[in-house]
Amino acid sequence: MRALSDVSRFGILAVALMLLISCAPGSESRESAERSLEYAERSVEAAGQAIREQTREATESVDRNIDQTGRNLQRTAGDTAIVTKVKGILAADPLVQSFAIDVQSSEGVVTLRGEVKNDAQRRRALEDAQSVKGVVQVVDQLTLKN
């Protein structure tokens, strides 16, 4: 906003100088006023260019932040969906039937934690997790019950 008021001030100055040029009696005064007007015009143009550049840079920055936020939201929503699907499959699998297995996901990497009764149950839990669309890797942190 400050830069816009500077542009306005330069514009007013330019108009005032044009009036002075038209009213000046001597050629020296007129030449001096013309030089001042040219300087004011260049200054207004430079200020306008600076404002355009700052606006472009700010817009690009906002666009980048919006894109990054969108990607973060998509990843989070994707991981939440993966966790929900894996938990559902584990609960419905007659071999596993475990609500005691903790499921976490980060960017499609699923980590299973908890206790299972035997190695067959562990293998099935890992297979069930890997079968979910969007899972890129399954990390086994399951332990056998004693």
Foldseek 3Di string as FASTA:
>chain_A
DVLVVVLVVLVVVLVVLVVCLVVPDDPVSNVVSVVVNVVSVVVSVVSVVVVVVVVVVVVVVVVVVVVVVVVVVVQVVLFVVLQVQLCVQQCPDPLRVDPQWDWGDGQQEIETEGEGADPVNQVVSLVSSVPDPRRPYYHYHYYYDD
